[in-house]
């Protein structure tokens, strides 16, 4: 008696069939927390495009891990003067966990690298890193990361008589008027600036 095989007897793998390698190398399926899906999608989209010039380099975007090792540093008991020098007999009064000091909620916080000079007069320079919190309210006057036509930019959010404005902090760059805040996709609020000096 002949048994039938469940395997088809025709067809087979064809050259060039299946999903195409969008990134020039093999890919792997992974699970990510729901809150960072937009980050991952934006990062992957950016890999397919030429580098952008709207103010935020998403290739350098890094989520801050929820389970992290504490980085404790000493907190000295004296303040440093920006005028006349003080004596050097400072004493340690406590330690500070830098992660908790810089980040309110790790699950909603990311670090993004700045590309460009449109926020120069707000003290934000090309190459700086921004700590961005997606759960902080985007209020008038806050520096925000906004999604404009699929690209991220860093600007100051301003309310005007005619609507909302994404304000550049450098006269060489144009502001971006937004007639209705509902049309504005705020991606997060800048809470800290990180710079190597």
N, C-alpha and C. Protein backbone atom coordinates (compact mmCIF):
# COMPACT_ATOMS: atom_id res chain seq x y z
N UNK A 1 0.84 -1.16 0.00
CA UNK A 1 0.00 0.00 0.00
C UNK A 1 0.89 1.24 0.00
N UNK A 2 0.58 2.21 -0.86
CA UNK A 2 1.39 3.42 -1.01
C UNK A 2 0.86 4.49 -0.06
N UNK A 3 1.77 5.09 0.71
CA UNK A 3 1.35 6.18 1.62
C UNK A 3 1.59 7.50 0.92
N UNK A 4 0.68 8.43 1.20
CA UNK A 4 0.81 9.75 0.59
C UNK A 4 1.64 10.65 1.49
N UNK A 5 2.53 11.36 0.88
CA UNK A 5 3.36 12.32 1.63
C UNK A 5 2.61 13.64 1.75
N UNK A 6 2.74 14.26 2.91
CA UNK A 6 2.10 15.57 3.10
C UNK A 6 2.90 16.67 2.41
N UNK A 7 4.11 16.37 1.98
CA UNK A 7 4.96 17.33 1.31
C UNK A 7 4.55 17.43 -0.15
N UNK A 8 4.38 18.64 -0.70
CA UNK A 8 3.99 18.75 -2.09
C UNK A 8 5.10 18.20 -3.00
N UNK A 9 4.68 17.60 -4.11
CA UNK A 9 5.65 17.00 -5.03
C UNK A 9 6.06 17.96 -6.14
N UNK A 10 5.52 19.20 -6.09
CA UNK A 10 5.87 20.16 -7.13
C UNK A 10 6.26 21.50 -6.47
N UNK A 11 6.72 22.40 -7.25
CA UNK A 11 7.09 23.72 -6.73
C UNK A 11 8.48 23.67 -6.11
N UNK A 12 8.60 24.28 -4.95
CA UNK A 12 9.89 24.33 -4.29
C UNK A 12 10.39 25.76 -4.19
N UNK A 13 11.53 25.90 -3.58
CA UNK A 13 12.11 27.23 -3.38
C UNK A 13 12.56 27.80 -4.71
N UNK A 14 12.12 29.02 -4.96
CA UNK A 14 12.53 29.70 -6.18
C UNK A 14 13.53 30.79 -5.82
N UNK A 15 14.47 30.99 -6.68
CA UNK A 15 15.45 32.03 -6.45
C UNK A 15 14.76 33.40 -6.49
N UNK A 16 15.05 34.23 -5.50
CA UNK A 16 14.47 35.57 -5.44
C UNK A 16 13.11 35.62 -4.79
N UNK A 17 12.57 34.46 -4.34
CA UNK A 17 11.27 34.44 -3.69
C UNK A 17 11.41 34.85 -2.23
N UNK A 18 10.29 35.22 -1.62
CA UNK A 18 10.30 35.58 -0.21
C UNK A 18 10.54 37.06 0.01
N UNK A 19 10.67 37.45 1.30
CA UNK A 19 10.86 38.85 1.64
C UNK A 19 12.24 39.32 1.24
N UNK A 20 12.29 40.54 0.77
CA UNK A 20 13.56 41.12 0.35
C UNK A 20 14.30 41.70 1.56
N UNK A 21 15.60 41.68 1.51
CA UNK A 21 16.42 42.22 2.60
C UNK A 21 16.43 43.74 2.50
N UNK A 22 15.64 44.39 3.34
CA UNK A 22 15.50 45.85 3.28
C UNK A 22 16.71 46.56 3.86
N UNK A 23 17.50 45.86 4.66
CA UNK A 23 18.59 46.51 5.36
C UNK A 23 19.96 45.99 4.94
N UNK A 24 20.00 45.18 3.91
CA UNK A 24 21.27 44.69 3.42
C UNK A 24 21.87 43.56 4.21
N UNK A 25 21.11 42.98 5.12
CA UNK A 25 21.59 41.86 5.92
C UNK A 25 20.38 41.08 6.43
N UNK A 26 20.57 39.86 6.91
CA UNK A 26 19.43 39.10 7.44
C UNK A 26 18.77 39.81 8.62
N UNK A 27 17.47 39.57 8.79
CA UNK A 27 16.73 40.18 9.90
C UNK A 27 16.25 39.12 10.87
N UNK A 28 15.82 39.54 12.04
CA UNK A 28 15.37 38.63 13.08
C UNK A 28 14.14 39.22 13.75
N UNK A 29 13.16 38.38 14.05
CA UNK A 29 11.95 38.82 14.74
C UNK A 29 12.25 38.97 16.22
N UNK A 30 11.85 40.12 16.79
CA UNK A 30 12.04 40.36 18.22
C UNK A 30 10.77 40.99 18.78
N UNK A 31 10.59 40.88 20.09
CA UNK A 31 9.47 41.53 20.76
C UNK A 31 10.01 42.75 21.49
N UNK A 32 9.30 43.88 21.35
CA UNK A 32 9.72 45.11 22.02
C UNK A 32 8.56 45.64 22.84
N UNK A 33 8.82 46.38 23.91
CA UNK A 33 7.74 46.99 24.69
C UNK A 33 6.92 47.91 23.79
N UNK A 34 5.62 47.91 24.01
CA UNK A 34 4.71 48.68 23.17
C UNK A 34 5.08 50.16 23.14
N UNK A 35 5.56 50.70 24.27
CA UNK A 35 5.86 52.12 24.33
C UNK A 35 6.99 52.55 23.41
N UNK A 36 7.86 51.61 23.00
CA UNK A 36 8.97 52.01 22.13
C UNK A 36 8.80 51.53 20.69
N UNK A 37 7.62 51.02 20.33
CA UNK A 37 7.38 50.62 18.95
C UNK A 37 7.62 51.79 17.99
N UNK A 38 7.12 53.02 18.28
CA UNK A 38 7.39 54.13 17.36
C UNK A 38 8.88 54.42 17.22
N UNK A 39 9.63 54.22 18.30
CA UNK A 39 11.08 54.45 18.26
C UNK A 39 11.73 53.46 17.31
N UNK A 40 11.38 52.20 17.44
CA UNK A 40 11.98 51.15 16.62
C UNK A 40 11.59 51.35 15.16
N UNK A 41 10.31 51.62 14.90
CA UNK A 41 9.86 51.84 13.53
C UNK A 41 10.56 53.05 12.92
N UNK A 42 10.65 54.15 13.69
CA UNK A 42 11.34 55.33 13.18
C UNK A 42 12.80 55.07 12.91
N UNK A 43 13.43 54.32 13.79
CA UNK A 43 14.85 53.98 13.61
C UNK A 43 15.04 53.16 12.33
N UNK A 44 14.18 52.16 12.13
CA UNK A 44 14.30 51.32 10.94
C UNK A 44 14.00 52.10 9.66
N UNK A 45 12.99 52.97 9.71
CA UNK A 45 12.69 53.81 8.55
C UNK A 45 13.89 54.69 8.20
N UNK A 46 14.56 55.19 9.24
CA UNK A 46 15.70 56.07 9.02
C UNK A 46 16.85 55.33 8.36
N UNK A 47 16.98 54.04 8.64
CA UNK A 47 18.04 53.26 8.01
C UNK A 47 17.84 53.16 6.50
N UNK A 48 16.58 53.27 6.05
CA UNK A 48 16.28 53.15 4.63
C UNK A 48 16.45 54.47 3.89
N UNK A 49 16.49 55.59 4.63
CA UNK A 49 16.55 56.91 4.01
C UNK A 49 17.93 57.51 4.17
N UNK A 50 18.14 58.56 3.43
CA UNK A 50 19.37 59.35 3.60
C UNK A 50 19.31 60.07 4.93
N UNK A 51 20.44 60.46 5.49
CA UNK A 51 20.42 61.19 6.77
C UNK A 51 19.56 62.44 6.66
N UNK A 52 18.78 62.71 7.70
CA UNK A 52 17.89 63.86 7.68
C UNK A 52 18.56 65.07 8.30
N UNK A 53 17.98 66.25 8.05
CA UNK A 53 18.58 67.48 8.55
C UNK A 53 17.58 68.30 9.34
N UNK A 54 16.55 67.66 9.89
CA UNK A 54 15.51 68.43 10.58
C UNK A 54 15.83 68.67 12.04
N UNK A 55 16.94 68.19 12.55
CA UNK A 55 17.30 68.56 13.91
C UNK A 55 17.57 67.40 14.84
N UNK A 56 17.05 66.20 14.56
CA UNK A 56 17.27 65.07 15.45
C UNK A 56 17.76 63.90 14.63
N UNK A 57 18.87 63.34 15.01
CA UNK A 57 19.43 62.19 14.32
C UNK A 57 18.87 60.92 14.94
N UNK A 58 17.89 60.30 14.28
CA UNK A 58 17.26 59.12 14.87
C UNK A 58 18.18 57.90 14.84
N UNK A 59 19.24 57.97 14.07
CA UNK A 59 20.19 56.85 14.10
C UNK A 59 20.88 56.77 15.43
N UNK A 60 20.91 57.87 16.16
CA UNK A 60 21.58 57.89 17.46
C UNK A 60 20.57 57.81 18.60
N UNK A 61 19.33 57.49 18.29
CA UNK A 61 18.30 57.42 19.31
C UNK A 61 18.46 56.13 20.11
N UNK A 62 18.47 56.25 21.43
CA UNK A 62 18.66 55.07 22.28
C UNK A 62 17.64 55.10 23.40
N UNK A 63 16.87 54.02 23.56
CA UNK A 63 15.98 53.97 24.72
C UNK A 63 16.80 53.77 26.00
N UNK A 64 16.28 54.28 27.10
CA UNK A 64 16.91 54.07 28.39
C UNK A 64 16.26 52.85 29.01
N UNK A 65 17.04 51.84 29.31
CA UNK A 65 16.50 50.55 29.75
C UNK A 65 15.76 50.68 31.07
N UNK A 66 14.67 49.90 31.19
CA UNK A 66 13.90 49.90 32.43
C UNK A 66 14.63 49.20 33.56
N UNK A 67 15.35 48.14 33.25
CA UNK A 67 16.12 47.45 34.29
C UNK A 67 17.58 47.82 34.09
N UNK A 68 18.09 48.69 34.90
CA UNK A 68 19.43 49.20 34.72
C UNK A 68 20.20 49.11 36.01
N UNK A 69 21.49 49.15 35.91
CA UNK A 69 22.35 49.16 37.08
C UNK A 69 22.49 50.59 37.57
N UNK A 70 22.39 50.78 38.86
CA UNK A 70 22.54 52.12 39.43
C UNK A 70 23.97 52.60 39.25
N UNK A 71 24.12 53.87 38.92
CA UNK A 71 25.43 54.50 38.83
C UNK A 71 25.50 55.54 39.92
N UNK A 72 26.12 55.18 41.04
CA UNK A 72 26.18 56.06 42.20
C UNK A 72 27.44 56.91 42.16
N UNK A 73 27.26 58.22 42.36
CA UNK A 73 28.40 59.12 42.45
C UNK A 73 28.25 59.95 43.71
N UNK A 74 29.35 60.45 44.28
CA UNK A 74 29.24 61.24 45.51
C UNK A 74 28.58 62.59 45.26
N UNK A 75 27.77 63.02 46.22
CA UNK A 75 27.21 64.38 46.21
C UNK A 75 27.94 65.15 47.30
N UNK A 76 28.65 66.20 46.90
CA UNK A 76 29.45 66.96 47.85
C UNK A 76 28.59 67.98 48.59
N UNK A 77 29.02 68.32 49.79
CA UNK A 77 28.23 69.19 50.65
C UNK A 77 28.36 70.66 50.35
N UNK A 78 29.12 71.02 49.35
CA UNK A 78 29.29 72.43 49.01
C UNK A 78 28.83 72.69 47.59
N UNK A 79 28.38 73.92 47.37
CA UNK A 79 28.05 74.35 46.02
C UNK A 79 29.30 74.96 45.41
N UNK A 80 29.41 74.86 44.09
CA UNK A 80 30.56 75.45 43.42
C UNK A 80 30.18 76.86 42.97
N UNK A 81 31.06 77.80 43.20
CA UNK A 81 30.81 79.19 42.80
C UNK A 81 31.26 79.39 41.36
N UNK A 82 30.53 80.22 40.66
CA UNK A 82 30.95 80.59 39.31
C UNK A 82 31.69 81.92 39.35
N UNK A 83 31.94 82.42 40.56
CA UNK A 83 32.68 83.68 40.70
C UNK A 83 33.99 83.43 41.41
N UNK A 84 34.11 83.91 42.65
CA UNK A 84 35.35 83.74 43.42
C UNK A 84 35.50 82.28 43.86
N UNK A 85 36.70 81.74 43.85
CA UNK A 85 36.90 80.34 44.25
C UNK A 85 36.65 80.12 45.73
N UNK A 86 36.28 78.86 46.09
CA UNK A 86 36.08 78.48 47.49
C UNK A 86 37.20 77.53 47.89
N UNK A 87 37.29 77.24 49.17
CA UNK A 87 38.32 76.32 49.64
C UNK A 87 38.00 74.91 49.15
N UNK A 88 39.02 74.06 49.11
CA UNK A 88 38.86 72.72 48.55
C UNK A 88 38.57 71.66 49.58
N UNK A 89 38.06 72.03 50.78
CA UNK A 89 37.84 71.02 51.82
C UNK A 89 36.41 70.49 51.79
N UNK A 90 35.92 70.17 50.58
CA UNK A 90 34.55 69.65 50.44
C UNK A 90 34.44 68.29 51.10
N UNK A 91 33.24 67.96 51.53
CA UNK A 91 33.01 66.67 52.16
C UNK A 91 31.78 66.03 51.53
N UNK A 92 31.79 64.70 51.49
CA UNK A 92 30.69 63.96 50.89
C UNK A 92 29.54 63.87 51.88
N UNK A 93 28.34 64.25 51.43
CA UNK A 93 27.17 64.17 52.31
C UNK A 93 26.21 63.08 51.88
N UNK A 94 26.32 62.62 50.63
CA UNK A 94 25.36 61.63 50.13
C UNK A 94 25.90 61.07 48.82
N UNK A 95 25.15 60.13 48.24
CA UNK A 95 25.44 59.67 46.88
C UNK A 95 24.20 59.90 46.03
N UNK A 96 24.42 60.02 44.74
CA UNK A 96 23.34 60.28 43.79
C UNK A 96 23.35 59.18 42.74
N UNK A 97 22.17 58.58 42.49
CA UNK A 97 22.02 57.65 41.38
C UNK A 97 21.76 58.50 40.14
N UNK A 98 22.73 58.55 39.21
CA UNK A 98 22.59 59.40 38.04
C UNK A 98 21.37 59.04 37.20
N UNK A 99 21.06 57.76 37.11
CA UNK A 99 19.88 57.37 36.34
C UNK A 99 18.61 57.97 36.90
N UNK A 100 18.42 57.88 38.21
CA UNK A 100 17.22 58.45 38.84
C UNK A 100 17.25 59.97 38.81
N UNK A 101 18.44 60.53 38.87
CA UNK A 101 18.58 61.99 38.86
C UNK A 101 18.19 62.57 37.49
N UNK A 102 18.53 61.86 36.42
CA UNK A 102 18.30 62.37 35.07
C UNK A 102 17.00 61.91 34.44
N UNK A 103 16.44 60.79 34.94
CA UNK A 103 15.30 60.16 34.26
C UNK A 103 14.14 59.99 35.23
N UNK A 104 12.98 60.54 34.86
CA UNK A 104 11.78 60.41 35.67
C UNK A 104 11.20 59.01 35.57
N UNK A 105 11.03 58.51 34.34
CA UNK A 105 10.43 57.20 34.10
C UNK A 105 11.17 56.52 32.95
N UNK A 106 11.97 55.50 33.23
CA UNK A 106 12.76 54.86 32.17
C UNK A 106 11.91 54.28 31.03
N UNK A 107 10.68 53.86 31.32
CA UNK A 107 9.87 53.23 30.27
C UNK A 107 9.38 54.23 29.23
N UNK A 108 9.43 55.53 29.53
CA UNK A 108 8.95 56.52 28.57
C UNK A 108 10.06 57.49 28.15
N UNK A 109 11.30 57.16 28.47
CA UNK A 109 12.40 58.09 28.26
C UNK A 109 13.41 57.54 27.26
N UNK A 110 13.92 58.43 26.41
CA UNK A 110 14.89 58.07 25.38
C UNK A 110 15.96 59.14 25.31
N UNK A 111 17.10 58.76 24.75
CA UNK A 111 18.16 59.72 24.47
C UNK A 111 18.25 59.87 22.96
N UNK A 112 18.27 61.11 22.49
CA UNK A 112 18.32 61.39 21.05
C UNK A 112 19.46 62.35 20.78
N UNK A 113 20.17 62.13 19.69
CA UNK A 113 21.30 62.98 19.34
C UNK A 113 20.84 64.08 18.38
N UNK A 114 21.30 65.30 18.62
CA UNK A 114 20.90 66.46 17.82
C UNK A 114 21.77 66.56 16.57
N UNK A 115 21.10 66.83 15.45
CA UNK A 115 21.79 67.04 14.19
C UNK A 115 21.37 68.41 13.66
N UNK A 116 22.26 69.38 13.70
CA UNK A 116 21.93 70.71 13.20
C UNK A 116 22.00 71.77 14.30
N UNK A 117 21.71 73.02 13.91
CA UNK A 117 21.95 74.17 14.78
C UNK A 117 20.71 75.02 15.00
N UNK A 118 19.51 74.54 14.70
CA UNK A 118 18.31 75.38 14.79
C UNK A 118 17.95 75.76 16.22
N UNK A 119 18.52 75.08 17.23
CA UNK A 119 18.22 75.39 18.63
C UNK A 119 19.43 75.96 19.36
N UNK A 120 20.35 76.51 18.60
CA UNK A 120 21.61 77.04 19.16
C UNK A 120 21.39 78.04 20.30
N UNK A 121 20.45 78.98 20.12
CA UNK A 121 20.26 80.02 21.13
C UNK A 121 19.51 79.53 22.37
N UNK A 122 19.03 78.29 22.34
CA UNK A 122 18.46 77.67 23.53
C UNK A 122 19.51 76.84 24.24
N UNK A 123 20.76 76.91 23.76
CA UNK A 123 21.85 76.17 24.38
C UNK A 123 21.99 74.75 23.87
N UNK A 124 21.28 74.41 22.79
CA UNK A 124 21.34 73.05 22.22
C UNK A 124 22.18 73.10 20.96
N UNK A 125 23.28 72.35 20.96
CA UNK A 125 24.23 72.39 19.84
C UNK A 125 24.21 71.08 19.07
N UNK A 126 24.72 71.15 17.85
CA UNK A 126 24.90 69.96 17.02
C UNK A 126 25.76 68.95 17.78
N UNK A 127 25.31 67.71 17.86
CA UNK A 127 26.06 66.66 18.55
C UNK A 127 25.64 66.45 19.99
N UNK A 128 24.86 67.39 20.57
CA UNK A 128 24.36 67.19 21.93
C UNK A 128 23.39 66.03 21.98
N UNK A 129 23.22 65.46 23.16
CA UNK A 129 22.23 64.42 23.36
C UNK A 129 21.12 64.96 24.25
N UNK A 130 19.89 64.66 23.88
CA UNK A 130 18.72 65.13 24.61
C UNK A 130 18.05 63.97 25.33
N UNK A 131 17.70 64.17 26.59
CA UNK A 131 16.86 63.20 27.30
C UNK A 131 15.42 63.62 27.03
N UNK A 132 14.65 62.71 26.44
CA UNK A 132 13.29 63.01 25.99
C UNK A 132 12.30 62.10 26.71
N UNK A 133 11.28 62.70 27.32
CA UNK A 133 10.25 61.94 28.04
C UNK A 133 8.94 62.05 27.29
N UNK A 134 8.39 60.92 26.89
CA UNK A 134 7.15 60.90 26.11
C UNK A 134 5.91 61.13 26.98
N UNK A 135 6.04 61.02 28.30
CA UNK A 135 4.88 61.17 29.18
C UNK A 135 4.78 62.54 29.83
N UNK A 136 5.71 63.44 29.55
CA UNK A 136 5.63 64.80 30.09
C UNK A 136 4.72 65.63 29.20
N UNK A 137 3.85 66.45 29.79
CA UNK A 137 2.90 67.26 29.03
C UNK A 137 3.64 68.29 28.17
N UNK A 138 3.26 68.35 26.90
CA UNK A 138 3.84 69.33 25.97
C UNK A 138 3.09 70.64 26.13
N UNK A 139 3.64 71.54 26.95
CA UNK A 139 2.99 72.81 27.24
C UNK A 139 3.70 73.95 26.53
N UNK A 140 3.03 75.08 26.47
CA UNK A 140 3.57 76.28 25.87
C UNK A 140 4.94 76.61 26.48
N UNK A 141 5.95 76.79 25.64
CA UNK A 141 7.28 77.14 26.10
C UNK A 141 8.23 75.97 26.26
N UNK A 142 7.71 74.74 26.25
CA UNK A 142 8.59 73.57 26.41
C UNK A 142 9.32 73.28 25.10
N UNK A 143 10.51 72.72 25.23
CA UNK A 143 11.23 72.25 24.05
C UNK A 143 10.78 70.82 23.80
N UNK A 144 10.34 70.57 22.56
CA UNK A 144 9.71 69.28 22.24
C UNK A 144 10.38 68.65 21.03
N UNK A 145 10.14 67.35 20.91
CA UNK A 145 10.47 66.62 19.69
C UNK A 145 9.14 66.45 18.96
N UNK A 146 9.04 66.97 17.75
CA UNK A 146 7.80 66.91 16.98
C UNK A 146 8.02 66.12 15.71
N UNK A 147 6.96 65.44 15.29
CA UNK A 147 6.98 64.67 14.05
C UNK A 147 6.35 65.53 12.97
N UNK A 148 7.14 65.94 12.00
CA UNK A 148 6.66 66.75 10.88
C UNK A 148 6.84 65.94 9.61
N UNK A 149 5.72 65.50 9.04
CA UNK A 149 5.73 64.72 7.79
C UNK A 149 6.66 63.52 7.90
N UNK A 150 6.62 62.86 9.04
CA UNK A 150 7.39 61.63 9.21
C UNK A 150 8.83 61.82 9.65
N UNK A 151 9.26 63.07 9.84
CA UNK A 151 10.62 63.32 10.30
C UNK A 151 10.57 64.06 11.63
N UNK A 152 11.51 63.74 12.51
CA UNK A 152 11.54 64.34 13.84
C UNK A 152 12.38 65.61 13.83
N UNK A 153 11.90 66.62 14.56
CA UNK A 153 12.64 67.86 14.71
C UNK A 153 12.52 68.33 16.15
N UNK A 154 13.52 69.05 16.63
CA UNK A 154 13.49 69.61 17.99
C UNK A 154 13.25 71.11 17.86
N UNK A 155 12.21 71.61 18.55
CA UNK A 155 11.84 73.02 18.51
C UNK A 155 11.16 73.39 19.83
N UNK A 156 11.01 74.71 20.06
CA UNK A 156 10.25 75.18 21.22
C UNK A 156 8.78 75.34 20.82
N UNK A 157 7.88 74.79 21.62
CA UNK A 157 6.44 74.87 21.35
C UNK A 157 5.91 76.19 21.88
N UNK A 158 5.31 76.99 21.01
CA UNK A 158 4.80 78.31 21.40
C UNK A 158 3.34 78.47 20.95
N UNK A 159 2.53 79.05 21.85
CA UNK A 159 1.16 79.39 21.49
C UNK A 159 1.15 80.83 20.97
N UNK A 160 0.48 81.07 19.85
CA UNK A 160 0.37 82.41 19.29
C UNK A 160 -1.10 82.76 19.12
N UNK A 161 -1.37 83.98 18.68
CA UNK A 161 -2.75 84.41 18.44
C UNK A 161 -3.40 83.62 17.31
N UNK A 162 -2.61 83.11 16.40
CA UNK A 162 -3.15 82.40 15.23
C UNK A 162 -3.06 80.89 15.35
N UNK A 163 -2.49 80.38 16.42
CA UNK A 163 -2.37 78.93 16.59
C UNK A 163 -1.09 78.57 17.31
N UNK A 164 -0.51 77.45 16.95
CA UNK A 164 0.71 76.97 17.58
C UNK A 164 1.88 77.12 16.62
N UNK A 165 3.06 77.21 17.21
CA UNK A 165 4.26 77.42 16.44
C UNK A 165 5.36 76.53 17.00
N UNK A 166 6.11 75.90 16.10
CA UNK A 166 7.35 75.22 16.48
C UNK A 166 8.46 76.22 16.19
N UNK A 167 9.00 76.78 17.26
CA UNK A 167 9.91 77.91 17.15
C UNK A 167 11.36 77.47 17.15
N UNK A 168 12.07 77.88 16.12
CA UNK A 168 13.52 77.67 16.08
C UNK A 168 14.17 78.69 17.00
N UNK A 169 15.28 78.33 17.58
CA UNK A 169 16.02 79.24 18.46
C UNK A 169 17.34 79.61 17.81
N UNK A 170 17.24 80.05 16.57
CA UNK A 170 18.37 80.49 15.78
C UNK A 170 17.77 81.27 14.60
N UNK A 171 18.11 82.56 14.44
CA UNK A 171 17.48 83.35 13.38
C UNK A 171 17.76 82.85 11.97
N UNK A 172 18.73 81.96 11.80
CA UNK A 172 19.02 81.41 10.47
C UNK A 172 18.03 80.32 10.06
N UNK A 173 17.14 79.92 10.98
CA UNK A 173 16.18 78.85 10.69
C UNK A 173 14.76 79.38 10.84
N UNK A 174 13.86 78.90 9.98
CA UNK A 174 12.47 79.36 10.00
C UNK A 174 11.67 78.61 11.06
N UNK A 175 10.70 79.33 11.66
CA UNK A 175 9.73 78.69 12.55
C UNK A 175 8.75 77.88 11.72
N UNK A 176 8.07 76.95 12.36
CA UNK A 176 7.09 76.12 11.67
C UNK A 176 5.71 76.39 12.27
N UNK A 177 4.84 77.13 11.55
CA UNK A 177 3.51 77.41 12.09
C UNK A 177 2.60 76.19 11.99
N UNK A 178 1.80 75.97 13.04
CA UNK A 178 0.82 74.89 13.07
C UNK A 178 -0.52 75.53 13.41
N UNK A 179 -1.50 75.44 12.51
CA UNK A 179 -2.76 76.14 12.73
C UNK A 179 -3.57 75.52 13.85
N UNK A 180 -3.49 74.20 14.01
CA UNK A 180 -4.30 73.51 15.01
C UNK A 180 -3.40 72.49 15.74
N UNK A 181 -3.42 72.52 17.07
CA UNK A 181 -2.54 71.62 17.82
C UNK A 181 -2.85 70.17 17.55
N UNK A 182 -4.11 69.88 17.13
CA UNK A 182 -4.46 68.48 16.84
C UNK A 182 -3.70 67.97 15.62
N UNK A 183 -3.24 68.89 14.76
CA UNK A 183 -2.46 68.49 13.59
C UNK A 183 -0.99 68.25 13.95
N UNK A 184 -0.64 68.58 15.17
CA UNK A 184 0.74 68.51 15.61
C UNK A 184 0.99 67.21 16.36
N UNK A 185 1.95 66.45 15.93
CA UNK A 185 2.29 65.19 16.59
C UNK A 185 3.54 65.40 17.44
N UNK A 186 3.31 65.64 18.74
CA UNK A 186 4.43 65.82 19.67
C UNK A 186 4.93 64.44 20.08
N UNK A 187 6.18 64.19 19.84
CA UNK A 187 6.76 62.87 20.09
C UNK A 187 7.29 62.75 21.51
N UNK A 188 7.68 63.86 22.11
CA UNK A 188 8.19 63.84 23.47
C UNK A 188 8.66 65.22 23.88
N UNK A 189 8.94 65.40 25.17
CA UNK A 189 9.40 66.68 25.72
C UNK A 189 10.84 66.52 26.18
N UNK A 190 11.68 67.46 25.83
CA UNK A 190 13.08 67.44 26.24
C UNK A 190 13.15 67.82 27.72
N UNK A 191 13.75 66.94 28.52
CA UNK A 191 13.86 67.20 29.96
C UNK A 191 15.28 67.47 30.41
N UNK A 192 16.28 67.00 29.68
CA UNK A 192 17.68 67.21 30.03
C UNK A 192 18.52 67.33 28.77
N UNK A 193 19.64 68.00 28.90
CA UNK A 193 20.62 68.12 27.84
C UNK A 193 21.91 67.47 28.32
N UNK A 194 22.49 66.59 27.51
CA UNK A 194 23.74 65.93 27.85
C UNK A 194 24.81 66.38 26.86
N UNK A 195 25.96 66.80 27.38
CA UNK A 195 27.03 67.28 26.51
C UNK A 195 28.37 66.90 27.11
N UNK A 196 29.25 66.44 26.24
CA UNK A 196 30.62 66.17 26.68
C UNK A 196 31.39 67.49 26.59
N UNK A 197 32.04 67.86 27.68
CA UNK A 197 32.80 69.12 27.67
C UNK A 197 34.29 68.86 27.75
